[in-house]
Amino acid sequence: MVRNGGVESPSPRPRIHQTHPHDTPLFQSTVSERKLRRFNISIFIFRLAAFGSSISSAVFMLTTNTASSSDTPRWYHFGAFRFVVAANAIVALYSFFEMGASVWEISRGATVFSEFTQVWFDFGHDQVFAYLLLSAGSAATELARQLRAIATCTANNTFCVQSDIAVALGFAGFLFLLISSLLSGFRVVCFTINGSRFVL
């Protein structure tokens, strides 16, 4: 207000009255947005790597020794190898979904779910599926060692080589998913501190 001869008149530049701290819109700097975009691109790259490793592992295991001989061992004859196929197929599907969510966030600047749900969904599922891959790889590694001990691989070397490659790719998927888990965990920390997924 401007006083003019004892009469109050509206100010040409009225003040913004803030009645509550949450009334002020949250300003996010362009620098922070660029940092978040680069961070999300990094997550996308590791999710793409996890998807590629997991789907390759499942395919290698599914195609182990396609010979028609009835005495040839098959992947479904062994519980640990079935576990590898199932775990890697699940992680491949999950990683494919997360890749889509990352592309959505990079292109639109917003999460698919609410921000709170998204950061905890990503972190929680990354943890669960990373441990799933680690368990499958560990069980298959022990089985592969036992098969070599009983000379199964001498008669069917191709089967053992492909199964070894499948297990190795599964461990690679675990490594990429572990890195994704660390990055999504960092976003949880940022959300806890700042109330936003924007990086510090």
Protein backbone atom coordinates (compact mmCIF):
# COMPACT_ATOMS: atom_id res chain seq x y z
CA MET A 1 0.00 0.00 0.00
CA VAL A 2 1.05 3.59 -0.69
CA ARG A 3 -0.11 6.40 1.56
CA ASN A 4 -1.24 9.48 -0.38
CA GLY A 5 -2.42 12.29 1.88
CA GLY A 6 -3.52 9.86 4.55
CA VAL A 7 -5.40 7.72 2.02
CA GLU A 8 -4.11 4.24 1.25
CA SER A 9 -4.02 3.25 -2.38
CA PRO A 10 -2.95 -0.07 -3.93
CA SER A 11 0.77 -0.40 -4.59
CA PRO A 12 1.79 -0.72 -8.23
CA ARG A 13 3.94 -3.68 -7.13
CA PRO A 14 1.91 -5.63 -4.62
CA ARG A 15 3.80 -7.92 -2.28
CA ILE A 16 3.37 -11.65 -2.46
CA HIS A 17 1.78 -12.71 0.81
CA GLN A 18 2.96 -16.13 1.99
CA THR A 19 0.69 -17.66 4.58
CA HIS A 20 2.37 -21.08 4.64
CA PRO A 21 5.86 -22.28 3.69
CA HIS A 22 4.36 -24.78 1.21
CA ASP A 23 2.61 -21.98 -0.67
CA THR A 24 5.91 -21.07 -2.33
CA PRO A 25 6.48 -23.23 -5.44
CA LEU A 26 9.61 -25.38 -5.36
CA PHE A 27 12.19 -23.93 -7.73
CA GLN A 28 14.50 -26.42 -9.36
CA SER A 29 17.55 -24.96 -11.06
CA THR A 30 18.45 -25.83 -14.64
CA VAL A 31 21.77 -27.18 -13.39
CA SER A 32 19.99 -29.66 -11.09
CA GLU A 33 17.71 -30.74 -13.93
CA ARG A 34 20.71 -31.39 -16.17
CA LYS A 35 22.40 -33.37 -13.38
CA LEU A 36 19.26 -35.44 -12.90
CA ARG A 37 19.01 -36.08 -16.64
CA ARG A 38 22.63 -37.29 -16.81
CA PHE A 39 22.03 -39.42 -13.73
CA ASN A 40 18.92 -41.00 -15.29
CA ILE A 41 20.81 -41.69 -18.51
CA SER A 42 23.46 -43.52 -16.46
CA ILE A 43 20.76 -45.63 -14.82
CA PHE A 44 19.26 -46.39 -18.23
CA ILE A 45 22.63 -47.60 -19.56
CA PHE A 46 23.11 -50.02 -16.67
CA ARG A 47 19.53 -51.26 -16.96
CA LEU A 48 20.09 -51.85 -20.67
CA ALA A 49 23.25 -53.81 -19.84
CA ALA A 50 21.38 -55.86 -17.22
CA PHE A 51 18.63 -56.60 -19.75
CA GLY A 52 21.12 -57.67 -22.41
CA SER A 53 23.08 -59.90 -20.03
CA SER A 54 20.00 -61.55 -18.53
CA ILE A 55 18.22 -62.25 -21.80
CA SER A 56 21.47 -63.61 -23.28
CA SER A 57 21.97 -65.86 -20.27
CA ALA A 58 18.47 -67.30 -20.59
CA VAL A 59 18.88 -67.84 -24.36
CA PHE A 60 22.27 -69.54 -23.96
CA MET A 61 20.88 -71.88 -21.33
CA LEU A 62 17.75 -72.66 -23.37
CA THR A 63 19.84 -73.58 -26.41
CA THR A 64 22.40 -75.79 -24.66
CA ASN A 65 23.07 -78.79 -26.85
CA THR A 66 20.19 -79.01 -29.31
CA ALA A 67 21.17 -82.51 -30.42
CA SER A 68 18.29 -84.96 -30.75
CA SER A 69 20.02 -87.80 -28.93
CA SER A 70 17.95 -88.98 -25.97
CA ASP A 71 20.99 -89.49 -23.71
CA THR A 72 22.15 -85.88 -24.16
CA PRO A 73 21.70 -83.81 -20.96
CA ARG A 74 19.28 -80.91 -21.18
CA TRP A 75 19.06 -77.78 -19.09
CA TYR A 76 15.64 -78.79 -17.72
CA HIS A 77 17.14 -81.99 -16.31
CA PHE A 78 18.85 -79.90 -13.61
CA GLY A 79 17.09 -77.77 -11.02
CA ALA A 80 19.88 -75.22 -10.80
CA PHE A 81 19.83 -74.61 -14.55
CA ARG A 82 16.04 -74.22 -14.49
CA PHE A 83 16.56 -71.66 -11.74
CA VAL A 84 19.04 -69.78 -13.96
CA VAL A 85 16.55 -69.64 -16.84
CA ALA A 86 13.68 -68.48 -14.62
CA ALA A 87 15.73 -65.89 -12.69
CA ASN A 88 17.27 -64.36 -15.80
CA ALA A 89 13.93 -64.28 -17.64
CA ILE A 90 12.33 -62.46 -14.68
CA VAL A 91 15.19 -59.96 -14.46
CA ALA A 92 15.07 -59.39 -18.23
CA LEU A 93 11.35 -58.53 -18.01
CA TYR A 94 11.92 -56.28 -15.01
CA SER A 95 14.86 -54.52 -16.69
CA PHE A 96 12.78 -54.01 -19.85
CA PHE A 97 10.07 -52.31 -17.78
CA GLU A 98 12.64 -50.18 -15.96
CA MET A 99 14.22 -49.16 -19.27
CA GLY A 100 10.82 -47.91 -20.40
CA ALA A 101 10.39 -46.04 -17.10
CA SER A 102 13.84 -44.47 -17.53
CA VAL A 103 13.04 -43.35 -21.09
CA TRP A 104 9.75 -41.88 -19.84
CA GLU A 105 11.53 -39.96 -17.08
CA ILE A 106 14.33 -38.73 -19.35
CA SER A 107 11.93 -37.52 -22.04
CA ARG A 108 9.18 -36.09 -19.82
CA GLY A 109 11.04 -35.15 -16.66
CA ALA A 110 8.51 -37.01 -14.50
CA THR A 111 8.30 -40.49 -12.99
CA VAL A 112 5.79 -43.12 -14.14
CA PHE A 113 4.45 -43.56 -10.60
CA SER A 114 4.43 -40.91 -7.90
CA GLU A 115 7.95 -39.83 -6.98
CA PHE A 116 7.83 -41.51 -3.56
CA THR A 117 6.55 -44.78 -5.02
CA GLN A 118 9.00 -44.75 -7.93
CA VAL A 119 12.22 -44.29 -5.94
CA TRP A 120 11.31 -46.99 -3.43
CA PHE A 121 9.94 -49.33 -6.12
CA ASP A 122 13.18 -49.10 -8.09
CA PHE A 123 15.45 -49.57 -5.07
CA GLY A 124 13.45 -52.41 -3.53
CA HIS A 125 13.10 -54.41 -6.73
CA ASP A 126 16.73 -53.86 -7.70
CA GLN A 127 17.74 -55.41 -4.38
CA VAL A 128 15.40 -58.40 -4.66
CA PHE A 129 16.27 -59.27 -8.25
CA ALA A 130 20.01 -58.76 -7.73
CA TYR A 131 19.92 -61.34 -4.92
CA LEU A 132 17.79 -63.61 -7.12
CA LEU A 133 20.44 -63.58 -9.86
CA LEU A 134 23.22 -64.10 -7.36
CA SER A 135 21.43 -67.14 -5.88
CA ALA A 136 20.78 -68.64 -9.31
CA GLY A 137 24.37 -68.10 -10.43
CA SER A 138 25.80 -69.60 -7.25
CA ALA A 139 23.63 -72.72 -7.49
CA ALA A 140 24.47 -73.18 -11.19
CA THR A 141 28.20 -72.72 -10.55
CA GLU A 142 28.18 -75.52 -7.98
CA LEU A 143 26.23 -77.77 -10.35
CA ALA A 144 28.65 -77.07 -13.20
CA ARG A 145 31.55 -78.02 -10.91
CA GLN A 146 29.84 -81.31 -10.02
CA LEU A 147 29.14 -82.13 -13.69
CA ARG A 148 32.81 -81.74 -14.50
CA ALA A 149 33.74 -83.94 -11.55
CA ILE A 150 31.62 -86.84 -12.88
CA ALA A 151 32.98 -86.47 -16.45
CA THR A 152 29.63 -85.36 -17.92
CA CYS A 153 31.42 -82.55 -19.71
CA THR A 154 33.89 -84.93 -21.33
CA ALA A 155 31.12 -86.57 -23.31
CA ASN A 156 29.08 -83.38 -23.83
CA ASN A 157 31.55 -80.54 -23.86
CA THR A 158 29.27 -78.20 -25.87
CA PHE A 159 26.55 -78.48 -23.25
CA CYS A 160 28.95 -77.56 -20.46
CA VAL A 161 30.55 -74.69 -22.37
CA GLN A 162 27.17 -73.11 -23.17
CA SER A 163 25.94 -73.57 -19.63
CA ASP A 164 29.14 -71.95 -18.32
CA ILE A 165 28.60 -68.99 -20.65
CA ALA A 166 24.99 -68.71 -19.48
CA VAL A 167 26.06 -68.68 -15.84
CA ALA A 168 28.77 -66.09 -16.53
CA LEU A 169 26.25 -63.84 -18.32
CA GLY A 170 23.93 -64.23 -15.34
CA PHE A 171 26.68 -62.98 -13.03
CA ALA A 172 27.28 -60.05 -15.42
CA GLY A 173 23.56 -59.24 -15.17
CA PHE A 174 23.88 -59.35 -11.39
CA LEU A 175 26.79 -56.90 -11.52
CA PHE A 176 24.90 -54.42 -13.72
CA LEU A 177 21.79 -54.75 -11.55
CA LEU A 178 23.92 -54.20 -8.43
CA ILE A 179 25.24 -50.92 -9.88
CA SER A 180 21.66 -49.92 -10.77
CA SER A 181 20.71 -50.71 -7.18
CA LEU A 182 23.45 -48.41 -5.87
CA LEU A 183 22.24 -45.59 -8.15
CA SER A 184 18.59 -46.09 -7.19
CA GLY A 185 19.67 -46.22 -3.54
CA PHE A 186 21.37 -42.85 -4.01
CA ARG A 187 18.08 -41.48 -5.33
CA VAL A 188 16.35 -42.77 -2.20
CA VAL A 189 18.90 -40.89 -0.08
CA CYS A 190 18.31 -37.71 -2.10
CA PHE A 191 14.55 -38.13 -1.69
CA THR A 192 14.93 -38.67 2.07
CA ILE A 193 17.11 -35.58 2.50
CA ASN A 194 15.54 -33.21 -0.03
CA GLY A 195 12.04 -34.60 -0.38
CA SER A 196 12.84 -34.92 -4.09
CA ARG A 197 14.64 -37.41 -6.34
CA PHE A 198 16.78 -34.55 -7.69
CA VAL A 199 20.42 -35.30 -7.02
CA LEU A 200 22.31 -33.30 -4.39
